[in-house]
N, C-alpha and C. Protein backbone atom coordinates (compact mmCIF):
# COMPACT_ATOMS: atom_id res chain seq x y z
N UNK A 1 1.84 44.59 -131.26
CA UNK A 1 0.51 44.31 -130.84
C UNK A 1 0.48 42.81 -130.27
N UNK A 2 -0.33 42.59 -129.12
CA UNK A 2 -0.41 41.44 -128.45
C UNK A 2 -1.38 40.46 -129.11
N UNK A 3 -1.28 39.25 -128.76
CA UNK A 3 -2.20 38.36 -129.59
C UNK A 3 -3.60 38.78 -129.17
N UNK A 4 -3.95 39.15 -127.82
CA UNK A 4 -5.24 39.49 -127.45
C UNK A 4 -5.67 40.73 -128.24
N UNK A 5 -4.83 41.54 -128.40
CA UNK A 5 -5.15 42.96 -129.32
C UNK A 5 -5.59 42.58 -130.81
N UNK A 6 -4.72 41.44 -131.27
CA UNK A 6 -5.02 41.04 -132.64
C UNK A 6 -6.30 40.41 -132.70
N UNK A 7 -6.66 39.58 -131.85
CA UNK A 7 -7.97 38.84 -131.77
C UNK A 7 -9.10 39.86 -131.63
N UNK A 8 -8.92 40.78 -130.81
CA UNK A 8 -10.14 42.10 -130.66
C UNK A 8 -10.16 42.49 -132.02
N UNK A 9 -8.92 42.85 -132.70
CA UNK A 9 -8.99 43.49 -133.99
C UNK A 9 -9.64 42.84 -134.99
N UNK A 10 -9.36 41.53 -135.08
CA UNK A 10 -9.87 40.59 -136.06
C UNK A 10 -11.50 40.37 -135.95
N UNK A 11 -11.89 40.34 -134.53
CA UNK A 11 -13.31 40.18 -134.12
C UNK A 11 -14.23 41.45 -134.85
N UNK A 12 -13.46 42.55 -134.65
CA UNK A 12 -14.36 43.77 -135.23
C UNK A 12 -14.21 43.83 -136.82
N UNK A 13 -13.01 43.57 -137.29
CA UNK A 13 -12.88 43.82 -138.74
C UNK A 13 -12.98 42.65 -139.68
N UNK A 14 -13.10 41.43 -139.10
CA UNK A 14 -13.29 40.42 -140.06
C UNK A 14 -14.52 39.64 -139.56
N UNK A 15 -14.61 38.99 -138.39
CA UNK A 15 -15.76 38.33 -137.81
C UNK A 15 -17.03 39.09 -138.00
N UNK A 16 -17.07 40.33 -137.66
CA UNK A 16 -18.41 41.20 -137.57
C UNK A 16 -18.62 41.88 -139.05
N UNK A 17 -17.55 41.70 -139.92
CA UNK A 17 -17.52 42.45 -141.25
C UNK A 17 -18.70 41.87 -142.25
N UNK A 18 -19.74 42.57 -142.55
CA UNK A 18 -20.70 42.08 -143.40
C UNK A 18 -20.41 41.48 -144.58
N UNK A 19 -18.99 41.93 -145.10
CA UNK A 19 -18.52 41.36 -146.40
C UNK A 19 -17.81 40.15 -145.99
N UNK A 20 -17.63 39.76 -144.97
CA UNK A 20 -16.97 38.34 -144.46
C UNK A 20 -17.84 37.46 -143.92
N UNK A 21 -18.32 37.73 -142.66
CA UNK A 21 -19.20 36.50 -141.92
C UNK A 21 -20.29 36.97 -141.48
N UNK A 22 -20.68 38.28 -141.01
CA UNK A 22 -21.93 38.63 -140.51
C UNK A 22 -22.79 38.89 -141.44
N UNK A 23 -24.17 38.95 -141.16
CA UNK A 23 -25.35 39.40 -142.03
C UNK A 23 -26.25 40.09 -141.33
N UNK A 24 -27.02 40.87 -142.00
CA UNK A 24 -28.19 41.72 -141.40
C UNK A 24 -29.19 40.79 -140.94
N UNK A 25 -29.76 41.02 -139.80
CA UNK A 25 -30.80 40.47 -139.22
C UNK A 25 -31.79 41.34 -138.58
N UNK A 26 -33.10 41.24 -138.46
CA UNK A 26 -33.97 42.18 -137.89
C UNK A 26 -34.08 41.45 -136.34
N UNK A 27 -33.85 42.34 -135.33
CA UNK A 27 -33.99 42.02 -133.93
C UNK A 27 -34.91 42.97 -133.34
N UNK A 28 -35.86 42.44 -132.56
CA UNK A 28 -36.73 43.29 -131.75
C UNK A 28 -36.67 42.96 -130.37
N UNK A 29 -36.20 43.92 -129.69
CA UNK A 29 -36.23 43.70 -128.06
C UNK A 29 -36.99 44.79 -127.38
N UNK A 30 -37.85 44.54 -126.51
CA UNK A 30 -38.69 45.52 -126.04
C UNK A 30 -39.58 46.23 -127.25
N UNK A 31 -39.46 47.50 -127.22
CA UNK A 31 -40.23 48.29 -128.31
C UNK A 31 -39.43 48.68 -129.57
N UNK A 32 -38.00 48.29 -129.63
CA UNK A 32 -37.20 48.75 -130.49
C UNK A 32 -36.97 47.55 -131.55
N UNK A 33 -37.25 47.93 -132.81
CA UNK A 33 -36.79 46.97 -133.95
C UNK A 33 -35.72 47.48 -134.69
N UNK A 34 -34.58 46.76 -134.84
CA UNK A 34 -33.30 47.16 -135.41
C UNK A 34 -32.88 46.14 -136.53
N UNK A 35 -32.23 46.58 -137.50
CA UNK A 35 -31.70 45.60 -138.35
C UNK A 35 -30.12 45.75 -138.08
N UNK A 36 -29.41 44.59 -137.50
CA UNK A 36 -28.13 44.57 -137.09
C UNK A 36 -27.30 43.42 -137.78
N UNK A 37 -26.02 43.78 -137.96
CA UNK A 37 -25.34 42.66 -138.55
C UNK A 37 -24.79 41.81 -137.31
N UNK A 38 -24.93 40.49 -137.49
CA UNK A 38 -24.64 39.38 -136.63
C UNK A 38 -24.47 38.16 -137.10
N UNK A 39 -24.06 37.07 -136.63
CA UNK A 39 -23.83 35.74 -137.20
C UNK A 39 -24.86 35.06 -136.31
N UNK A 40 -25.75 34.23 -137.00
CA UNK A 40 -26.86 33.47 -136.52
C UNK A 40 -26.43 32.05 -136.66
N UNK A 41 -26.54 31.17 -135.85
CA UNK A 41 -26.33 29.73 -136.02
C UNK A 41 -27.68 29.06 -135.65
N UNK A 42 -28.01 28.04 -136.47
CA UNK A 42 -29.21 27.29 -136.04
C UNK A 42 -28.71 25.96 -135.67
N UNK A 43 -29.50 25.04 -135.08
CA UNK A 43 -29.10 23.77 -134.63
C UNK A 43 -29.32 22.59 -135.74
N UNK A 44 -29.98 23.07 -136.78
CA UNK A 44 -30.09 22.11 -137.99
C UNK A 44 -29.55 22.62 -139.06
N UNK A 45 -29.19 21.88 -140.13
CA UNK A 45 -28.57 22.26 -141.27
C UNK A 45 -29.48 22.80 -142.30
N UNK A 46 -30.68 22.45 -142.19
CA UNK A 46 -31.77 22.95 -143.39
C UNK A 46 -32.50 24.09 -142.67
N UNK A 47 -32.41 24.44 -141.42
CA UNK A 47 -33.11 25.44 -140.92
C UNK A 47 -34.53 25.18 -140.32
N UNK A 48 -34.86 23.94 -140.64
CA UNK A 48 -36.13 23.46 -140.13
C UNK A 48 -36.16 23.22 -138.62
N UNK A 49 -37.44 23.29 -138.01
CA UNK A 49 -37.47 23.17 -136.40
C UNK A 49 -37.14 21.70 -136.17
N UNK A 50 -36.65 21.48 -134.94
CA UNK A 50 -36.46 20.14 -134.53
C UNK A 50 -37.84 19.70 -133.83
N UNK A 51 -38.19 18.50 -134.27
CA UNK A 51 -39.42 17.96 -133.78
C UNK A 51 -39.15 17.42 -132.51
N UNK A 52 -40.10 17.73 -131.41
CA UNK A 52 -40.00 17.27 -129.88
C UNK A 52 -41.16 16.54 -129.62
N UNK A 53 -41.40 16.37 -128.54
CA UNK A 53 -42.53 15.44 -127.94
C UNK A 53 -43.63 15.90 -128.49
N UNK A 54 -44.77 15.03 -128.81
CA UNK A 54 -46.10 15.23 -129.07
C UNK A 54 -46.36 16.42 -130.09
N UNK A 55 -45.48 16.36 -131.17
CA UNK A 55 -45.44 17.16 -132.36
C UNK A 55 -45.16 18.80 -132.06
N UNK A 56 -44.66 18.91 -130.92
CA UNK A 56 -44.28 20.42 -130.76
C UNK A 56 -42.99 20.51 -131.34
N UNK A 57 -42.66 21.62 -131.96
CA UNK A 57 -41.39 21.89 -132.68
C UNK A 57 -40.54 22.84 -131.76
N UNK A 58 -39.34 22.69 -132.07
CA UNK A 58 -38.45 23.67 -131.16
C UNK A 58 -37.43 24.31 -132.28
N UNK A 59 -37.31 25.69 -132.12
CA UNK A 59 -36.33 26.29 -133.10
C UNK A 59 -35.26 26.94 -131.74
N UNK A 60 -34.07 26.49 -132.31
CA UNK A 60 -32.96 26.96 -131.42
C UNK A 60 -31.88 27.55 -132.23
N UNK A 61 -31.40 28.73 -131.67
CA UNK A 61 -30.35 29.51 -132.35
C UNK A 61 -29.37 30.05 -131.44
N UNK A 62 -28.18 30.57 -131.87
CA UNK A 62 -27.20 31.15 -131.23
C UNK A 62 -26.85 32.53 -132.02
N UNK A 63 -26.91 33.53 -131.19
CA UNK A 63 -26.56 34.85 -132.12
C UNK A 63 -25.03 35.18 -131.59
N UNK A 64 -24.32 35.67 -132.56
CA UNK A 64 -23.03 36.19 -131.99
C UNK A 64 -23.03 37.59 -132.51
N UNK A 65 -22.95 38.59 -131.64
CA UNK A 65 -23.04 39.96 -132.11
C UNK A 65 -22.05 40.75 -131.29
N UNK A 66 -21.70 41.90 -131.61
CA UNK A 66 -20.81 43.00 -130.96
C UNK A 66 -21.66 43.74 -129.95
N UNK A 67 -21.35 43.59 -128.63
CA UNK A 67 -22.15 44.18 -127.74
C UNK A 67 -22.42 45.76 -127.88
N UNK A 68 -21.37 46.40 -128.52
CA UNK A 68 -21.36 47.85 -128.71
C UNK A 68 -22.58 48.13 -129.82
N UNK A 69 -22.69 47.03 -130.75
CA UNK A 69 -23.67 47.24 -131.71
C UNK A 69 -25.15 47.11 -131.14
N UNK A 70 -25.22 46.00 -130.45
CA UNK A 70 -26.49 45.73 -129.62
C UNK A 70 -26.81 46.91 -128.64
N UNK A 71 -26.01 47.50 -127.96
CA UNK A 71 -25.98 48.61 -126.98
C UNK A 71 -26.62 48.02 -125.75
N UNK A 72 -26.81 46.79 -125.50
CA UNK A 72 -27.37 46.39 -124.02
C UNK A 72 -26.98 44.89 -123.96
N UNK A 73 -26.86 44.28 -122.80
CA UNK A 73 -26.71 42.95 -122.40
C UNK A 73 -27.91 42.43 -122.08
N UNK A 74 -28.67 41.52 -123.16
CA UNK A 74 -29.92 40.96 -122.66
C UNK A 74 -29.80 39.95 -121.55
N UNK A 75 -30.87 39.68 -120.85
CA UNK A 75 -31.00 38.92 -119.65
C UNK A 75 -31.63 37.51 -120.07
N UNK A 76 -31.25 36.54 -119.32
CA UNK A 76 -31.78 35.13 -119.32
C UNK A 76 -33.28 35.17 -119.22
N UNK A 77 -34.06 34.41 -120.06
CA UNK A 77 -35.66 34.58 -119.94
C UNK A 77 -36.20 35.75 -120.69
N UNK A 78 -35.39 36.57 -121.14
CA UNK A 78 -36.03 37.72 -121.85
C UNK A 78 -36.57 37.30 -123.12
N UNK A 79 -37.53 37.84 -123.63
CA UNK A 79 -38.13 37.50 -124.98
C UNK A 79 -37.69 38.55 -126.05
N UNK A 80 -37.18 37.96 -127.23
CA UNK A 80 -36.87 38.88 -128.24
C UNK A 80 -37.51 38.17 -129.44
N UNK A 81 -37.57 39.02 -130.62
CA UNK A 81 -37.87 38.46 -131.74
C UNK A 81 -36.75 38.60 -132.91
N UNK A 82 -36.42 37.54 -133.54
CA UNK A 82 -35.34 37.67 -134.47
C UNK A 82 -35.89 37.09 -135.84
N UNK A 83 -35.69 37.90 -136.70
CA UNK A 83 -36.39 37.79 -138.12
C UNK A 83 -37.81 37.15 -137.98
N UNK A 84 -38.58 37.81 -137.38
CA UNK A 84 -39.92 37.52 -137.13
C UNK A 84 -40.30 36.14 -136.34
N UNK A 85 -39.30 35.72 -135.74
CA UNK A 85 -39.61 34.52 -134.84
C UNK A 85 -39.38 34.74 -133.39
N UNK A 86 -40.30 34.61 -132.53
CA UNK A 86 -40.22 34.87 -131.12
C UNK A 86 -39.29 33.86 -130.44
N UNK A 87 -38.31 34.18 -129.76
CA UNK A 87 -37.57 33.38 -128.93
C UNK A 87 -37.42 33.82 -127.50
N UNK A 88 -37.03 32.89 -126.75
CA UNK A 88 -36.62 33.24 -125.20
C UNK A 88 -35.17 32.92 -125.06
N UNK A 89 -34.44 33.91 -124.49
CA UNK A 89 -33.15 33.90 -124.24
C UNK A 89 -32.78 32.83 -123.11
N UNK A 90 -31.92 31.93 -123.49
CA UNK A 90 -31.61 30.73 -122.34
C UNK A 90 -30.31 31.01 -121.75
N UNK A 91 -29.32 31.82 -122.47
CA UNK A 91 -28.08 31.93 -122.02
C UNK A 91 -27.38 33.15 -122.77
N UNK A 92 -26.58 33.96 -121.89
CA UNK A 92 -25.75 34.98 -122.44
C UNK A 92 -24.28 34.94 -121.82
N UNK A 93 -23.41 35.16 -122.82
CA UNK A 93 -21.93 35.29 -122.33
C UNK A 93 -21.19 36.23 -123.27
N UNK A 94 -20.13 36.88 -122.60
CA UNK A 94 -19.38 37.74 -123.51
C UNK A 94 -17.95 37.30 -123.44
N UNK A 95 -17.57 36.80 -124.51
CA UNK A 95 -16.04 36.43 -124.38
C UNK A 95 -15.23 37.12 -125.76
N UNK A 96 -14.23 37.89 -125.23
CA UNK A 96 -13.32 38.53 -126.04
C UNK A 96 -13.92 39.67 -127.25
N UNK A 97 -15.07 40.20 -126.57
CA UNK A 97 -15.85 41.23 -127.15
C UNK A 97 -16.87 40.49 -128.32
N UNK A 98 -17.08 39.34 -128.03
CA UNK A 98 -18.30 38.84 -128.78
C UNK A 98 -19.36 38.37 -127.72
N UNK A 99 -20.59 38.92 -128.03
CA UNK A 99 -21.71 38.53 -127.15
C UNK A 99 -22.42 37.32 -127.80
N UNK A 100 -22.55 36.05 -127.00
CA UNK A 100 -23.27 35.02 -127.49
C UNK A 100 -24.51 34.91 -126.71
N UNK A 101 -25.49 34.75 -127.53
CA UNK A 101 -26.82 34.70 -126.99
C UNK A 101 -27.60 33.47 -127.48
N UNK A 102 -27.97 32.62 -126.60
CA UNK A 102 -28.55 31.28 -127.05
C UNK A 102 -30.00 31.48 -126.79
N UNK A 103 -30.71 31.03 -127.90
CA UNK A 103 -31.99 31.25 -127.92
C UNK A 103 -33.04 29.85 -128.19
N UNK A 104 -34.32 30.01 -127.70
CA UNK A 104 -35.14 28.80 -128.01
C UNK A 104 -36.57 29.35 -128.26
N UNK A 105 -37.30 28.61 -129.30
CA UNK A 105 -38.68 28.96 -129.45
C UNK A 105 -39.37 27.67 -129.69
N UNK A 106 -40.54 27.52 -128.68
CA UNK A 106 -41.34 26.33 -128.94
C UNK A 106 -42.39 26.68 -129.85
N UNK A 107 -42.77 25.62 -130.77
CA UNK A 107 -43.98 25.80 -131.71
C UNK A 107 -43.59 26.83 -132.65
N UNK A 108 -44.48 27.44 -133.42
CA UNK A 108 -44.27 28.39 -134.43
C UNK A 108 -44.59 29.73 -133.98
N UNK A 109 -43.76 30.35 -133.10
CA UNK A 109 -43.95 31.54 -132.47
C UNK A 109 -43.90 32.81 -133.47
N UNK A 110 -44.32 32.65 -134.79
CA UNK A 110 -44.51 33.72 -135.54
C UNK A 110 -45.59 34.54 -135.23
């Protein structure tokens, strides 16, 4: 097995394994609401929004998900809801079988 094959195997069987790293999160895209295993990173350690100018807060997150589980590749500027918080997609990339989706939400988009 090549190193690339091993990395792909580990991504599927370790990184996205809910007993290891991933956790279930509710994602709404369009009219579909689904609970999917993914890894969600936030930009603050305590999960609180980052305060920005004039008292407006910003929630930033990065989703790491298996593109086969998601079933589509989202587009930049698309709006999704993750765990009841509305986000705008700022970037999307696919690297070695991991879909990385960068998100931002201004204010309390709940």
